[in-house]
Amino acid sequence: MAELEGMRPGRILDVGCGEGADALWLAAHGWDVTALDVSQVALTRASERADDLGLQVHWLHAGLVEAELAPGSFDVVSAQYPALLRTDDAAAERALLDAVAPNGVLLVVHHSLPSVEQAAAHGFHPQDYVSPADVAARLDGSWIVEVDEIRPRHVSSGAGAHHTEDVVLRARRLP
């Protein structure tokens, strides 16, 4: 996770951790990891892998909004390619921001949005989901945006290989 290089490990929330690849990497590098996902199957696989590797991770079976995380409880909140539903009250965006401690970092990475036609061909509508731009729009004067850019993505195989760009948002909450 290049965006965390040089940071002293602390408490981190991995939102939408899936089978835990990022959570396990973070734990192996000294982070105190809480990994959250809605899939119990994915969390069970992740937990078994953590046990095999002798790593400690707090696995949380919940959606981000439903988790009711303590405000300001994480030094880093990381959401890598999350599928967060957009709501009229911006519940997911607020939950991401609220979980970050003073002087903490929010990191949101997502694929560049497909066209409406491309998304419809895959059975979804991009406007139904929270994007990094939606999160950035909620940042106020208590945040400093450190990175807000589109980056080339170089993945040659797997489910995400057809994505060629990622949107990266990293913001720091002021102390």
C-alpha atoms as a PDB file:
ATOM      1  CA  MET A   1       0.000   0.000   0.000  1.00  0.00           C
ATOM      2  CA  ALA A   2       2.114   2.805  -1.346  1.00  0.00           C
ATOM      3  CA  GLU A   3      -0.150   5.503   0.132  1.00  0.00           C
ATOM      4  CA  LEU A   4       0.793   4.399   3.655  1.00  0.00           C
ATOM      5  CA  GLU A   5       4.561   4.272   3.127  1.00  0.00           C
ATOM      6  CA  GLY A   6       6.439   6.229   5.744  1.00  0.00           C
ATOM      7  CA  MET A   7       3.515   6.254   8.188  1.00  0.00           C
ATOM      8  CA  ARG A   8       3.983   4.862  11.664  1.00  0.00           C
ATOM      9  CA  PRO A   9       1.625   1.875  12.047  1.00  0.00           C
ATOM     10  CA  GLY A  10      -1.415   2.506  14.215  1.00  0.00           C
ATOM     11  CA  ARG A  11      -5.092   1.594  14.214  1.00  0.00           C
ATOM     12  CA  ILE A  12      -6.501   1.070  10.724  1.00  0.00           C
ATOM     13  CA  LEU A  13      -9.963   0.228   9.420  1.00  0.00           C
ATOM     14  CA  ASP A  14     -10.065  -1.803   6.186  1.00  0.00           C
ATOM     15  CA  VAL A  15     -13.543  -1.156   4.742  1.00  0.00           C
ATOM     16  CA  GLY A  16     -14.875  -3.901   2.471  1.00  0.00           C
ATOM     17  CA  CYS A  17     -11.900  -6.145   3.170  1.00  0.00           C
ATOM     18  CA  GLY A  18     -13.199  -9.162   1.243  1.00  0.00           C
ATOM     19  CA  GLU A  19     -10.897 -12.128   1.776  1.00  0.00           C
ATOM     20  CA  GLY A  20      -8.440  -9.910   3.618  1.00  0.00           C
ATOM     21  CA  ALA A  21      -5.399  -9.463   1.377  1.00  0.00           C
ATOM     22  CA  ASP A  22      -4.863  -5.827   2.449  1.00  0.00           C
ATOM     23  CA  ALA A  23      -5.739  -6.537   6.095  1.00  0.00           C
ATOM     24  CA  LEU A  24      -3.205  -9.356   6.250  1.00  0.00           C
ATOM     25  CA  TRP A  25      -0.491  -7.242   4.620  1.00  0.00           C
ATOM     26  CA  LEU A  26      -1.189  -4.415   7.052  1.00  0.00           C
ATOM     27  CA  ALA A  27      -1.111  -6.735  10.089  1.00  0.00           C
ATOM     28  CA  ALA A  28       2.189  -8.209   8.874  1.00  0.00           C
ATOM     29  CA  HIS A  29       3.590  -4.668   8.764  1.00  0.00           C
ATOM     30  CA  GLY A  30       2.631  -3.823  12.337  1.00  0.00           C
ATOM     31  CA  TRP A  31      -0.786  -2.231  11.942  1.00  0.00           C
ATOM     32  CA  ASP A  32      -3.598  -2.844  14.444  1.00  0.00           C
ATOM     33  CA  VAL A  33      -6.221  -3.879  11.860  1.00  0.00           C
ATOM     34  CA  THR A  34      -9.996  -3.926  12.035  1.00  0.00           C
ATOM     35  CA  ALA A  35     -11.269  -5.433   8.791  1.00  0.00           C
ATOM     36  CA  LEU A  36     -14.936  -5.016   7.935  1.00  0.00           C
ATOM     37  CA  ASP A  37     -17.010  -6.820   5.309  1.00  0.00           C
ATOM     38  CA  VAL A  38     -20.622  -7.855   4.695  1.00  0.00           C
ATOM     39  CA  SER A  39     -19.625 -11.361   3.556  1.00  0.00           C
ATOM     40  CA  GLN A  40     -19.197 -13.893   6.348  1.00  0.00           C
ATOM     41  CA  VAL A  41     -17.770 -16.358   3.813  1.00  0.00           C
ATOM     42  CA  ALA A  42     -15.014 -13.901   2.861  1.00  0.00           C
ATOM     43  CA  LEU A  43     -14.280 -13.109   6.504  1.00  0.00           C
ATOM     44  CA  THR A  44     -14.044 -16.804   7.398  1.00  0.00           C
ATOM     45  CA  ARG A  45     -11.516 -17.350   4.600  1.00  0.00           C
ATOM     46  CA  ALA A  46      -9.578 -14.271   5.689  1.00  0.00           C
ATOM     47  CA  SER A  47      -9.564 -15.382   9.322  1.00  0.00           C
ATOM     48  CA  GLU A  48      -8.310 -18.851   8.411  1.00  0.00           C
ATOM     49  CA  ARG A  49      -5.496 -17.317   6.363  1.00  0.00           C
ATOM     50  CA  ALA A  50      -4.588 -14.992   9.248  1.00  0.00           C
ATOM     51  CA  ASP A  51      -4.438 -17.980  11.592  1.00  0.00           C
ATOM     52  CA  ASP A  52      -2.167 -19.823   9.146  1.00  0.00           C
ATOM     53  CA  LEU A  53       0.146 -16.810   9.046  1.00  0.00           C
ATOM     54  CA  GLY A  54       0.004 -16.144  12.792  1.00  0.00           C
ATOM     55  CA  LEU A  55      -1.449 -12.657  12.279  1.00  0.00           C
ATOM     56  CA  GLN A  56      -3.930 -10.830  14.501  1.00  0.00           C
ATOM     57  CA  VAL A  57      -6.813  -9.018  12.801  1.00  0.00           C
ATOM     58  CA  HIS A  58     -10.152  -7.981  14.286  1.00  0.00           C
ATOM     59  CA  TRP A  59     -12.703  -9.248  11.743  1.00  0.00           C
ATOM     60  CA  LEU A  60     -16.025  -7.393  11.771  1.00  0.00           C
ATOM     61  CA  HIS A  61     -19.048  -8.835   9.937  1.00  0.00           C
ATOM     62  CA  ALA A  62     -21.068  -5.711   9.117  1.00  0.00           C
ATOM     63  CA  GLY A  63     -21.729  -3.027   6.580  1.00  0.00           C
ATOM     64  CA  LEU A  64     -19.894   0.261   7.137  1.00  0.00           C
ATOM     65  CA  VAL A  65     -22.982   2.195   8.242  1.00  0.00           C
ATOM     66  CA  GLU A  66     -24.387  -0.651  10.342  1.00  0.00           C
ATOM     67  CA  ALA A  67     -21.069  -1.187  12.157  1.00  0.00           C
ATOM     68  CA  GLU A  68     -21.638   1.915  14.301  1.00  0.00           C
ATOM     69  CA  LEU A  69     -17.921   2.556  14.730  1.00  0.00           C
ATOM     70  CA  ALA A  70     -16.754   4.847  17.509  1.00  0.00           C
ATOM     71  CA  PRO A  71     -16.069   8.336  16.121  1.00  0.00           C
ATOM     72  CA  GLY A  72     -12.412   9.189  15.614  1.00  0.00           C
ATOM     73  CA  SER A  73     -11.210   5.702  16.480  1.00  0.00           C
ATOM     74  CA  PHE A  74      -8.828   4.983  13.580  1.00  0.00           C
ATOM     75  CA  ASP A  75      -5.536   6.524  12.529  1.00  0.00           C
ATOM     76  CA  VAL A  76      -6.311   5.391   8.973  1.00  0.00           C
ATOM     77  CA  VAL A  77      -9.577   4.474   7.309  1.00  0.00           C
ATOM     78  CA  SER A  78      -8.899   2.646   4.046  1.00  0.00           C
ATOM     79  CA  ALA A  79     -11.634   1.869   1.531  1.00  0.00           C
ATOM     80  CA  GLN A  80     -10.205   0.063  -1.493  1.00  0.00           C
ATOM     81  CA  TYR A  81     -12.798  -0.399  -4.264  1.00  0.00           C
ATOM     82  CA  PRO A  82     -15.766  -0.272  -1.873  1.00  0.00           C
ATOM     83  CA  ALA A  83     -19.347  -0.944  -2.976  1.00  0.00           C
ATOM     84  CA  LEU A  84     -21.030   1.619  -0.730  1.00  0.00           C
ATOM     85  CA  LEU A  85     -24.600   2.513  -1.582  1.00  0.00           C
ATOM     86  CA  ARG A  86     -25.348   6.198  -2.004  1.00  0.00           C
ATOM     87  CA  THR A  87     -28.134   7.483   0.251  1.00  0.00           C
ATOM     88  CA  ASP A  88     -29.918  10.824   0.512  1.00  0.00           C
ATOM     89  CA  ASP A  89     -28.319  11.436   3.905  1.00  0.00           C
ATOM     90  CA  ALA A  90     -24.778  10.474   2.745  1.00  0.00           C
ATOM     91  CA  ALA A  91     -24.594   7.833   5.485  1.00  0.00           C
ATOM     92  CA  ALA A  92     -21.619   5.942   4.035  1.00  0.00           C
ATOM     93  CA  GLU A  93     -19.605   9.082   3.362  1.00  0.00           C
ATOM     94  CA  ARG A  94     -20.268  10.346   6.898  1.00  0.00           C
ATOM     95  CA  ALA A  95     -19.343   6.958   8.404  1.00  0.00           C
ATOM     96  CA  LEU A  96     -15.985   7.002   6.563  1.00  0.00           C
ATOM     97  CA  LEU A  97     -15.168  10.534   7.694  1.00  0.00           C
ATOM     98  CA  ASP A  98     -16.406  10.092  11.258  1.00  0.00           C
ATOM     99  CA  ALA A  99     -14.203   7.030  11.880  1.00  0.00           C
ATOM    100  CA  VAL A 100     -10.962   8.973  11.227  1.00  0.00           C
ATOM    101  CA  ALA A 101      -9.103  10.234  14.308  1.00  0.00           C
ATOM    102  CA  PRO A 102      -7.694  13.774  14.524  1.00  0.00           C
ATOM    103  CA  ASN A 103      -4.531  13.913  12.402  1.00  0.00           C
ATOM    104  CA  GLY A 104      -5.660  10.608  10.849  1.00  0.00           C
ATOM    105  CA  VAL A 105      -5.861   9.700   7.182  1.00  0.00           C
ATOM    106  CA  LEU A 106      -8.771   8.730   4.969  1.00  0.00           C
ATOM    107  CA  LEU A 107      -7.784   6.719   1.889  1.00  0.00           C
ATOM    108  CA  VAL A 108     -10.394   5.918  -0.759  1.00  0.00           C
ATOM    109  CA  VAL A 109      -9.357   4.127  -3.954  1.00  0.00           C
ATOM    110  CA  HIS A 110     -11.788   3.173  -6.681  1.00  0.00           C
ATOM    111  CA  HIS A 111     -11.798   2.301 -10.353  1.00  0.00           C
ATOM    112  CA  SER A 112     -12.594   5.170 -12.675  1.00  0.00           C
ATOM    113  CA  LEU A 113     -16.324   5.188 -13.247  1.00  0.00           C
ATOM    114  CA  PRO A 114     -17.556   3.405 -16.350  1.00  0.00           C
ATOM    115  CA  SER A 115     -19.942   5.087 -18.735  1.00  0.00           C
ATOM    116  CA  VAL A 116     -23.635   4.658 -17.968  1.00  0.00           C
ATOM    117  CA  GLU A 117     -23.870   2.286 -20.937  1.00  0.00           C
ATOM    118  CA  GLN A 118     -20.939   0.130 -19.746  1.00  0.00           C
ATOM    119  CA  ALA A 119     -22.353  -0.043 -16.232  1.00  0.00           C
ATOM    120  CA  ALA A 120     -25.846  -0.915 -17.474  1.00  0.00           C
ATOM    121  CA  ALA A 121     -24.360  -3.788 -19.490  1.00  0.00           C
ATOM    122  CA  HIS A 122     -23.080  -5.163 -16.165  1.00  0.00           C
ATOM    123  CA  GLY A 123     -26.401  -4.596 -14.387  1.00  0.00           C
ATOM    124  CA  PHE A 124     -25.686  -1.559 -12.210  1.00  0.00           C
ATOM    125  CA  HIS A 125     -25.857   2.225 -12.247  1.00  0.00           C
ATOM    126  CA  PRO A 126     -22.736   4.132 -11.137  1.00  0.00           C
ATOM    127  CA  GLN A 127     -24.841   6.875  -9.538  1.00  0.00           C
ATOM    128  CA  ASP A 128     -26.166   4.292  -7.032  1.00  0.00           C
ATOM    129  CA  TYR A 129     -22.731   3.971  -5.406  1.00  0.00           C
ATOM    130  CA  VAL A 130     -20.451   6.305  -3.464  1.00  0.00           C
ATOM    131  CA  SER A 131     -17.436   7.493  -5.430  1.00  0.00           C
ATOM    132  CA  PRO A 132     -14.232   9.161  -4.196  1.00  0.00           C
ATOM    133  CA  ALA A 133     -15.688  12.414  -5.567  1.00  0.00           C
ATOM    134  CA  ASP A 134     -18.730  12.008  -3.294  1.00  0.00           C
ATOM    135  CA  VAL A 135     -16.416  11.576  -0.308  1.00  0.00           C
ATOM    136  CA  ALA A 136     -14.250  14.533  -1.367  1.00  0.00           C
ATOM    137  CA  ALA A 137     -17.360  16.716  -1.633  1.00  0.00           C
ATOM    138  CA  ARG A 138     -18.047  16.084   2.095  1.00  0.00           C
ATOM    139  CA  LEU A 139     -14.607  17.277   3.219  1.00  0.00           C
ATOM    140  CA  ASP A 140     -14.715  20.604   5.011  1.00  0.00           C
ATOM    141  CA  GLY A 141     -12.101  22.926   6.497  1.00  0.00           C
ATOM    142  CA  SER A 142     -11.117  20.296   9.057  1.00  0.00           C
ATOM    143  CA  TRP A 143      -9.449  18.242   6.319  1.00  0.00           C
ATOM    144  CA  ILE A 144      -6.422  18.656   4.057  1.00  0.00           C
ATOM    145  CA  VAL A 145      -6.583  16.834   0.723  1.00  0.00           C
ATOM    146  CA  GLU A 146      -3.157  15.303   0.149  1.00  0.00           C
ATOM    147  CA  VAL A 147      -3.969  13.329  -3.016  1.00  0.00           C
ATOM    148  CA  ASP A 148      -6.935  13.533  -5.378  1.00  0.00           C
ATOM    149  CA  GLU A 149      -5.973  12.115  -8.739  1.00  0.00           C
ATOM    150  CA  ILE A 150      -6.523   9.513 -11.413  1.00  0.00           C
ATOM    151  CA  ARG A 151      -3.675   7.030 -11.807  1.00  0.00           C
ATOM    152  CA  PRO A 152      -2.942   4.394 -14.430  1.00  0.00           C
ATOM    153  CA  ARG A 153      -3.631   0.866 -13.221  1.00  0.00           C
ATOM    154  CA  HIS A 154      -1.377  -1.983 -14.337  1.00  0.00           C
ATOM    155  CA  VAL A 155      -3.045  -5.326 -13.577  1.00  0.00           C
ATOM    156  CA  SER A 156      -2.686  -8.025 -16.218  1.00  0.00           C
ATOM    157  CA  SER A 157      -4.919 -10.754 -14.810  1.00  0.00           C
ATOM    158  CA  GLY A 158      -7.870 -11.355 -12.514  1.00  0.00           C
ATOM    159  CA  ALA A 159     -11.252  -9.751 -12.132  1.00  0.00           C
ATOM    160  CA  GLY A 160      -9.960  -6.177 -12.206  1.00  0.00           C
ATOM    161  CA  ALA A 161      -7.642  -6.532 -15.197  1.00  0.00           C
ATOM    162  CA  HIS A 162      -9.974  -4.622 -17.529  1.00  0.00           C
ATOM    163  CA  HIS A 163      -9.770  -1.488 -15.377  1.00  0.00           C
ATOM    164  CA  THR A 164      -7.038   0.835 -16.632  1.00  0.00           C
ATOM    165  CA  GLU A 165      -7.324   3.723 -14.155  1.00  0.00           C
ATOM    166  CA  ASP A 166      -7.908   4.229 -10.449  1.00  0.00           C
ATOM    167  CA  VAL A 167      -9.149   7.292  -8.600  1.00  0.00           C
ATOM    168  CA  VAL A 168      -7.143   7.916  -5.415  1.00  0.00           C
ATOM    169  CA  LEU A 169      -8.299  10.227  -2.635  1.00  0.00           C
ATOM    170  CA  ARG A 170      -6.169  10.676   0.480  1.00  0.00           C
ATOM    171  CA  ALA A 171      -7.131  13.310   3.016  1.00  0.00           C
ATOM    172  CA  ARG A 172      -5.832  14.104   6.503  1.00  0.00           C
ATOM    173  CA  ARG A 173      -8.092  15.289   9.324  1.00  0.00           C
ATOM    174  CA  LEU A 174      -6.581  18.283  11.081  1.00  0.00           C
ATOM    175  CA  PRO A 175      -5.637  17.796  14.768  1.00  0.00           C
END
